[in-house]
Amino acid sequence: SKSGGLTFPCGICCQVLSEFFEGNEE
């Protein structure tokens, strides 16, 4: 992001990613 710092995924995005991520993805 243009924030200048780390931009962490929001809770909704984490949940959606969890539908397809198996756990080893970086």
PDB file of all heavy atoms in Angstrom:
ATOM      1  N   SER A   1       0.853  -1.190   0.000  1.00  0.00           N
ATOM      2  CA  SER A   1       0.000   0.000   0.000  1.00  0.00           C
ATOM      3  C   SER A   1       0.885   1.235   0.000  1.00  0.00           C
ATOM      4  O   SER A   1       2.105   1.143   0.168  1.00  0.00           O
ATOM      5  CB  SER A   1      -0.928   0.024   1.217  1.00  0.00           C
ATOM      6  OG  SER A   1      -0.204   0.399   2.370  1.00  0.00           O
ATOM      7  N   LYS A   2       0.245   2.366  -0.159  1.00  0.00           N
ATOM      8  CA  LYS A   2       0.965   3.632  -0.111  1.00  0.00           C
ATOM      9  C   LYS A   2       1.065   4.170   1.313  1.00  0.00           C
ATOM     10  O   LYS A   2       1.458   5.301   1.522  1.00  0.00           O
ATOM     11  CB  LYS A   2       0.277   4.655  -1.017  1.00  0.00           C
ATOM     12  CG  LYS A   2       0.372   4.308  -2.479  1.00  0.00           C
ATOM     13  CD  LYS A   2      -0.218   5.384  -3.360  1.00  0.00           C
ATOM     14  CE  LYS A   2      -0.045   5.001  -4.814  1.00  0.00           C
ATOM     15  NZ  LYS A   2      -0.581   6.013  -5.726  1.00  0.00           N
ATOM     16  N   SER A   3       0.726   3.367   2.292  1.00  0.00           N
ATOM     17  CA  SER A   3       0.683   3.818   3.681  1.00  0.00           C
ATOM     18  C   SER A   3       2.060   4.123   4.255  1.00  0.00           C
ATOM     19  O   SER A   3       2.170   4.852   5.226  1.00  0.00           O
ATOM     20  CB  SER A   3      -0.001   2.771   4.556  1.00  0.00           C
ATOM     21  OG  SER A   3       0.844   1.652   4.736  1.00  0.00           O
ATOM     22  N   GLY A   4       3.095   3.513   3.691  1.00  0.00           N
ATOM     23  CA  GLY A   4       4.428   3.684   4.230  1.00  0.00           C
ATOM     24  C   GLY A   4       4.796   2.634   5.265  1.00  0.00           C
ATOM     25  O   GLY A   4       5.927   2.576   5.725  1.00  0.00           O
ATOM     26  N   GLY A   5       3.843   1.798   5.639  1.00  0.00           N
ATOM     27  CA  GLY A   5       4.104   0.726   6.601  1.00  0.00           C
ATOM     28  C   GLY A   5       3.523  -0.572   6.100  1.00  0.00           C
ATOM     29  O   GLY A   5       3.047  -0.661   4.971  1.00  0.00           O
ATOM     30  N   LEU A   6       3.566  -1.566   6.961  1.00  0.00           N
ATOM     31  CA  LEU A   6       2.967  -2.847   6.604  1.00  0.00           C
ATOM     32  C   LEU A   6       1.454  -2.708   6.532  1.00  0.00           C
ATOM     33  O   LEU A   6       0.840  -2.069   7.384  1.00  0.00           O
ATOM     34  CB  LEU A   6       3.317  -3.911   7.646  1.00  0.00           C
ATOM     35  CG  LEU A   6       4.796  -4.257   7.805  1.00  0.00           C
ATOM     36  CD1 LEU A   6       4.981  -5.228   8.964  1.00  0.00           C
ATOM     37  CD2 LEU A   6       5.358  -4.843   6.529  1.00  0.00           C
ATOM     38  N   THR A   7       0.856  -3.288   5.503  1.00  0.00           N
ATOM     39  CA  THR A   7      -0.601  -3.315   5.381  1.00  0.00           C
ATOM     40  C   THR A   7      -1.031  -4.767   5.482  1.00  0.00           C
ATOM     41  O   THR A   7      -0.792  -5.569   4.583  1.00  0.00           O
ATOM     42  CB  THR A   7      -1.057  -2.699   4.043  1.00  0.00           C
ATOM     43  OG1 THR A   7      -0.655  -1.332   4.024  1.00  0.00           O
ATOM     44  CG2 THR A   7      -2.559  -2.794   3.880  1.00  0.00           C
ATOM     45  N   PHE A   8      -1.639  -5.090   6.624  1.00  0.00           N
ATOM     46  CA  PHE A   8      -2.070  -6.454   6.887  1.00  0.00           C
ATOM     47  C   PHE A   8      -3.432  -6.711   6.249  1.00  0.00           C
ATOM     48  O   PHE A   8      -4.252  -5.791   6.143  1.00  0.00           O
ATOM     49  CB  PHE A   8      -2.163  -6.688   8.397  1.00  0.00           C
ATOM     50  CG  PHE A   8      -0.834  -6.594   9.080  1.00  0.00           C
ATOM     51  CD1 PHE A   8      -0.386  -5.387   9.594  1.00  0.00           C
ATOM     52  CD2 PHE A   8      -0.017  -7.702   9.178  1.00  0.00           C
ATOM     53  CE1 PHE A   8       0.857  -5.299  10.211  1.00  0.00           C
ATOM     54  CE2 PHE A   8       1.220  -7.624   9.793  1.00  0.00           C
ATOM     55  CZ  PHE A   8       1.661  -6.411  10.310  1.00  0.00           C
ATOM     56  N   PRO A   9      -3.707  -7.947   5.826  1.00  0.00           N
ATOM     57  CA  PRO A   9      -5.039  -8.260   5.282  1.00  0.00           C
ATOM     58  C   PRO A   9      -6.104  -8.119   6.368  1.00  0.00           C
ATOM     59  O   PRO A   9      -5.853  -8.454   7.532  1.00  0.00           O
ATOM     60  CB  PRO A   9      -4.911  -9.703   4.799  1.00  0.00           C
ATOM     61  CG  PRO A   9      -3.747 -10.265   5.546  1.00  0.00           C
ATOM     62  CD  PRO A   9      -2.832  -9.120   5.860  1.00  0.00           C
ATOM     63  N   CYS A  10      -7.268  -7.633   5.982  1.00  0.00           N
ATOM     64  CA  CYS A  10      -8.369  -7.492   6.940  1.00  0.00           C
ATOM     65  C   CYS A  10      -8.926  -8.875   7.285  1.00  0.00           C
ATOM     66  O   CYS A  10      -8.584  -9.880   6.657  1.00  0.00           O
ATOM     67  CB  CYS A  10      -9.464  -6.591   6.373  1.00  0.00           C
ATOM     68  SG  CYS A  10     -10.480  -7.357   5.085  1.00  0.00           S
ATOM     69  N   GLY A  11      -9.810  -8.925   8.270  1.00  0.00           N
ATOM     70  CA  GLY A  11     -10.391 -10.186   8.708  1.00  0.00           C
ATOM     71  C   GLY A  11     -11.166 -10.896   7.622  1.00  0.00           C
ATOM     72  O   GLY A  11     -11.086 -12.123   7.482  1.00  0.00           O
ATOM     73  N   ILE A  12     -11.933 -10.134   6.845  1.00  0.00           N
ATOM     74  CA  ILE A  12     -12.706 -10.757   5.758  1.00  0.00           C
ATOM     75  C   ILE A  12     -11.758 -11.381   4.741  1.00  0.00           C
ATOM     76  O   ILE A  12     -11.962 -12.521   4.303  1.00  0.00           O
ATOM     77  CB  ILE A  12     -13.655  -9.745   5.097  1.00  0.00           C
ATOM     78  CG1 ILE A  12     -14.742  -9.318   6.078  1.00  0.00           C
ATOM     79  CG2 ILE A  12     -14.273 -10.324   3.829  1.00  0.00           C
ATOM     80  CD1 ILE A  12     -15.618  -8.179   5.576  1.00  0.00           C
ATOM     81  N   CYS A  13     -10.706 -10.659   4.374  1.00  0.00           N
ATOM     82  CA  CYS A  13      -9.753 -11.209   3.405  1.00  0.00           C
ATOM     83  C   CYS A  13      -9.064 -12.451   3.956  1.00  0.00           C
ATOM     84  O   CYS A  13      -8.871 -13.425   3.234  1.00  0.00           O
ATOM     85  CB  CYS A  13      -8.722 -10.159   3.006  1.00  0.00           C
ATOM     86  SG  CYS A  13      -9.400  -8.899   1.915  1.00  0.00           S
ATOM     87  N   CYS A  14      -8.709 -12.432   5.230  1.00  0.00           N
ATOM     88  CA  CYS A  14      -8.092 -13.619   5.835  1.00  0.00           C
ATOM     89  C   CYS A  14      -9.027 -14.812   5.748  1.00  0.00           C
ATOM     90  O   CYS A  14      -8.612 -15.921   5.394  1.00  0.00           O
ATOM     91  CB  CYS A  14      -7.722 -13.339   7.286  1.00  0.00           C
ATOM     92  SG  CYS A  14      -6.292 -12.266   7.484  1.00  0.00           S
ATOM     93  N   GLN A  15     -10.296 -14.594   6.065  1.00  0.00           N
ATOM     94  CA  GLN A  15     -11.261 -15.690   6.008  1.00  0.00           C
ATOM     95  C   GLN A  15     -11.420 -16.205   4.578  1.00  0.00           C
ATOM     96  O   GLN A  15     -11.458 -17.409   4.340  1.00  0.00           O
ATOM     97  CB  GLN A  15     -12.615 -15.259   6.579  1.00  0.00           C
ATOM     98  CG  GLN A  15     -13.664 -16.354   6.562  1.00  0.00           C
ATOM     99  CD  GLN A  15     -13.281 -17.582   7.367  1.00  0.00           C
ATOM    100  OE1 GLN A  15     -12.796 -17.477   8.486  1.00  0.00           O
ATOM    101  NE2 GLN A  15     -13.483 -18.758   6.788  1.00  0.00           N
ATOM    102  N   VAL A  16     -11.496 -15.304   3.617  1.00  0.00           N
ATOM    103  CA  VAL A  16     -11.644 -15.720   2.215  1.00  0.00           C
ATOM    104  C   VAL A  16     -10.388 -16.464   1.755  1.00  0.00           C
ATOM    105  O   VAL A  16     -10.484 -17.507   1.100  1.00  0.00           O
ATOM    106  CB  VAL A  16     -11.972 -14.511   1.309  1.00  0.00           C
ATOM    107  CG1 VAL A  16     -11.920 -14.897  -0.153  1.00  0.00           C
ATOM    108  CG2 VAL A  16     -13.341 -13.944   1.662  1.00  0.00           C
ATOM    109  N   LEU A  17      -9.210 -15.964   2.101  1.00  0.00           N
ATOM    110  CA  LEU A  17      -7.980 -16.665   1.737  1.00  0.00           C
ATOM    111  C   LEU A  17      -7.951 -18.060   2.358  1.00  0.00           C
ATOM    112  O   LEU A  17      -7.477 -19.011   1.732  1.00  0.00           O
ATOM    113  CB  LEU A  17      -6.755 -15.863   2.172  1.00  0.00           C
ATOM    114  CG  LEU A  17      -6.450 -14.599   1.380  1.00  0.00           C
ATOM    115  CD1 LEU A  17      -5.368 -13.779   2.075  1.00  0.00           C
ATOM    116  CD2 LEU A  17      -6.034 -14.922  -0.048  1.00  0.00           C
ATOM    117  N   SER A  18      -8.475 -18.182   3.580  1.00  0.00           N
ATOM    118  CA  SER A  18      -8.431 -19.479   4.259  1.00  0.00           C
ATOM    119  C   SER A  18      -9.235 -20.550   3.530  1.00  0.00           C
ATOM    120  O   SER A  18      -8.999 -21.746   3.712  1.00  0.00           O
ATOM    121  CB  SER A  18      -8.923 -19.351   5.702  1.00  0.00           C
ATOM    122  OG  SER A  18     -10.326 -19.266   5.773  1.00  0.00           O
ATOM    123  N   GLU A  19     -10.164 -20.132   2.707  1.00  0.00           N
ATOM    124  CA  GLU A  19     -10.953 -21.081   1.920  1.00  0.00           C
ATOM    125  C   GLU A  19     -10.065 -21.835   0.923  1.00  0.00           C
ATOM    126  O   GLU A  19     -10.342 -22.979   0.567  1.00  0.00           O
ATOM    127  CB  GLU A  19     -12.059 -20.334   1.164  1.00  0.00           C
ATOM    128  CG  GLU A  19     -13.022 -21.202   0.424  1.00  0.00           C
ATOM    129  CD  GLU A  19     -14.067 -21.848   1.320  1.00  0.00           C
ATOM    130  OE1 GLU A  19     -14.253 -21.415   2.474  1.00  0.00           O
ATOM    131  OE2 GLU A  19     -14.704 -22.796   0.847  1.00  0.00           O
ATOM    132  N   PHE A  20      -8.967 -21.188   0.497  1.00  0.00           N
ATOM    133  CA  PHE A  20      -8.115 -21.763  -0.536  1.00  0.00           C
ATOM    134  C   PHE A  20      -6.687 -22.026  -0.068  1.00  0.00           C
ATOM    135  O   PHE A  20      -5.976 -22.802  -0.684  1.00  0.00           O
ATOM    136  CB  PHE A  20      -8.091 -20.841  -1.760  1.00  0.00           C
ATOM    137  CG  PHE A  20      -9.435 -20.719  -2.413  1.00  0.00           C
ATOM    138  CD1 PHE A  20     -10.292 -19.677  -2.081  1.00  0.00           C
ATOM    139  CD2 PHE A  20      -9.874 -21.661  -3.332  1.00  0.00           C
ATOM    140  CE1 PHE A  20     -11.552 -19.570  -2.659  1.00  0.00           C
ATOM    141  CE2 PHE A  20     -11.119 -21.568  -3.912  1.00  0.00           C
ATOM    142  CZ  PHE A  20     -11.962 -20.517  -3.572  1.00  0.00           C
ATOM    143  N   PHE A  21      -6.246 -21.370   0.990  1.00  0.00           N
ATOM    144  CA  PHE A  21      -4.892 -21.589   1.493  1.00  0.00           C
ATOM    145  C   PHE A  21      -4.885 -22.833   2.376  1.00  0.00           C
ATOM    146  O   PHE A  21      -5.779 -23.030   3.182  1.00  0.00           O
ATOM    147  CB  PHE A  21      -4.415 -20.378   2.302  1.00  0.00           C
ATOM    148  CG  PHE A  21      -3.847 -19.252   1.472  1.00  0.00           C
ATOM    149  CD1 PHE A  21      -4.239 -19.034   0.163  1.00  0.00           C
ATOM    150  CD2 PHE A  21      -2.927 -18.392   2.022  1.00  0.00           C
ATOM    151  CE1 PHE A  21      -3.721 -17.990  -0.581  1.00  0.00           C
ATOM    152  CE2 PHE A  21      -2.395 -17.345   1.288  1.00  0.00           C
ATOM    153  CZ  PHE A  21      -2.781 -17.151  -0.009  1.00  0.00           C
ATOM    154  N   GLU A  22      -3.854 -23.647   2.228  1.00  0.00           N
ATOM    155  CA  GLU A  22      -3.742 -24.886   3.002  1.00  0.00           C
ATOM    156  C   GLU A  22      -2.920 -24.691   4.272  1.00  0.00           C
ATOM    157  O   GLU A  22      -2.922 -25.557   5.130  1.00  0.00           O
ATOM    158  CB  GLU A  22      -3.120 -25.976   2.125  1.00  0.00           C
ATOM    159  CG  GLU A  22      -4.004 -26.336   0.935  1.00  0.00           C
ATOM    160  CD  GLU A  22      -3.336 -27.304  -0.022  1.00  0.00           C
ATOM    161  OE1 GLU A  22      -2.159 -27.675   0.201  1.00  0.00           O
ATOM    162  OE2 GLU A  22      -3.985 -27.698  -0.993  1.00  0.00           O
ATOM    163  N   GLY A  23      -2.193 -23.589   4.369  1.00  0.00           N
ATOM    164  CA  GLY A  23      -1.413 -23.307   5.575  1.00  0.00           C
ATOM    165  C   GLY A  23       0.051 -23.045   5.337  1.00  0.00           C
ATOM    166  O   GLY A  23       0.724 -22.421   6.150  1.00  0.00           O
ATOM    167  N   ASN A  24       0.593 -23.517   4.213  1.00  0.00           N
ATOM    168  CA  ASN A  24       2.013 -23.326   3.930  1.00  0.00           C
ATOM    169  C   ASN A  24       2.300 -22.098   3.064  1.00  0.00           C
ATOM    170  O   ASN A  24       3.455 -21.744   2.864  1.00  0.00           O
ATOM    171  CB  ASN A  24       2.592 -24.570   3.242  1.00  0.00           C
ATOM    172  CG  ASN A  24       2.534 -25.774   4.148  1.00  0.00           C
ATOM    173  OD1 ASN A  24       2.748 -25.662   5.348  1.00  0.00           O
ATOM    174  ND2 ASN A  24       2.218 -26.921   3.584  1.00  0.00           N
ATOM    175  N   GLU A  25       1.261 -21.479   2.547  1.00  0.00           N
ATOM    176  CA  GLU A  25       1.440 -20.336   1.655  1.00  0.00           C
ATOM    177  C   GLU A  25       2.034 -19.158   2.424  1.00  0.00           C
ATOM    178  O   GLU A  25       1.728 -18.940   3.594  1.00  0.00           O
ATOM    179  CB  GLU A  25       0.094 -19.908   1.043  1.00  0.00           C
ATOM    180  CG  GLU A  25      -0.554 -20.972   0.191  1.00  0.00           C
ATOM    181  CD  GLU A  25      -1.351 -22.004   0.981  1.00  0.00           C
ATOM    182  OE1 GLU A  25      -1.381 -21.946   2.230  1.00  0.00           O
ATOM    183  OE2 GLU A  25      -1.945 -22.874   0.342  1.00  0.00           O
ATOM    184  N   GLU A  26       2.888 -18.421   1.742  1.00  0.00           N
ATOM    185  CA  GLU A  26       3.518 -17.267   2.380  1.00  0.00           C
ATOM    186  C   GLU A  26       2.784 -15.985   2.010  1.00  0.00           C
ATOM    187  O   GLU A  26       2.282 -15.842   0.888  1.00  0.00           O
ATOM    188  CB  GLU A  26       4.985 -17.193   1.990  1.00  0.00           C
ATOM    189  CG  GLU A  26       5.749 -18.395   2.539  1.00  0.00           C
ATOM    190  CD  GLU A  26       7.240 -18.307   2.368  1.00  0.00           C
ATOM    191  OE1 GLU A  26       7.698 -17.785   1.332  1.00  0.00           O
ATOM    192  OE2 GLU A  26       7.953 -18.778   3.273  1.00  0.00           O
TER     193      GLU A  26
END
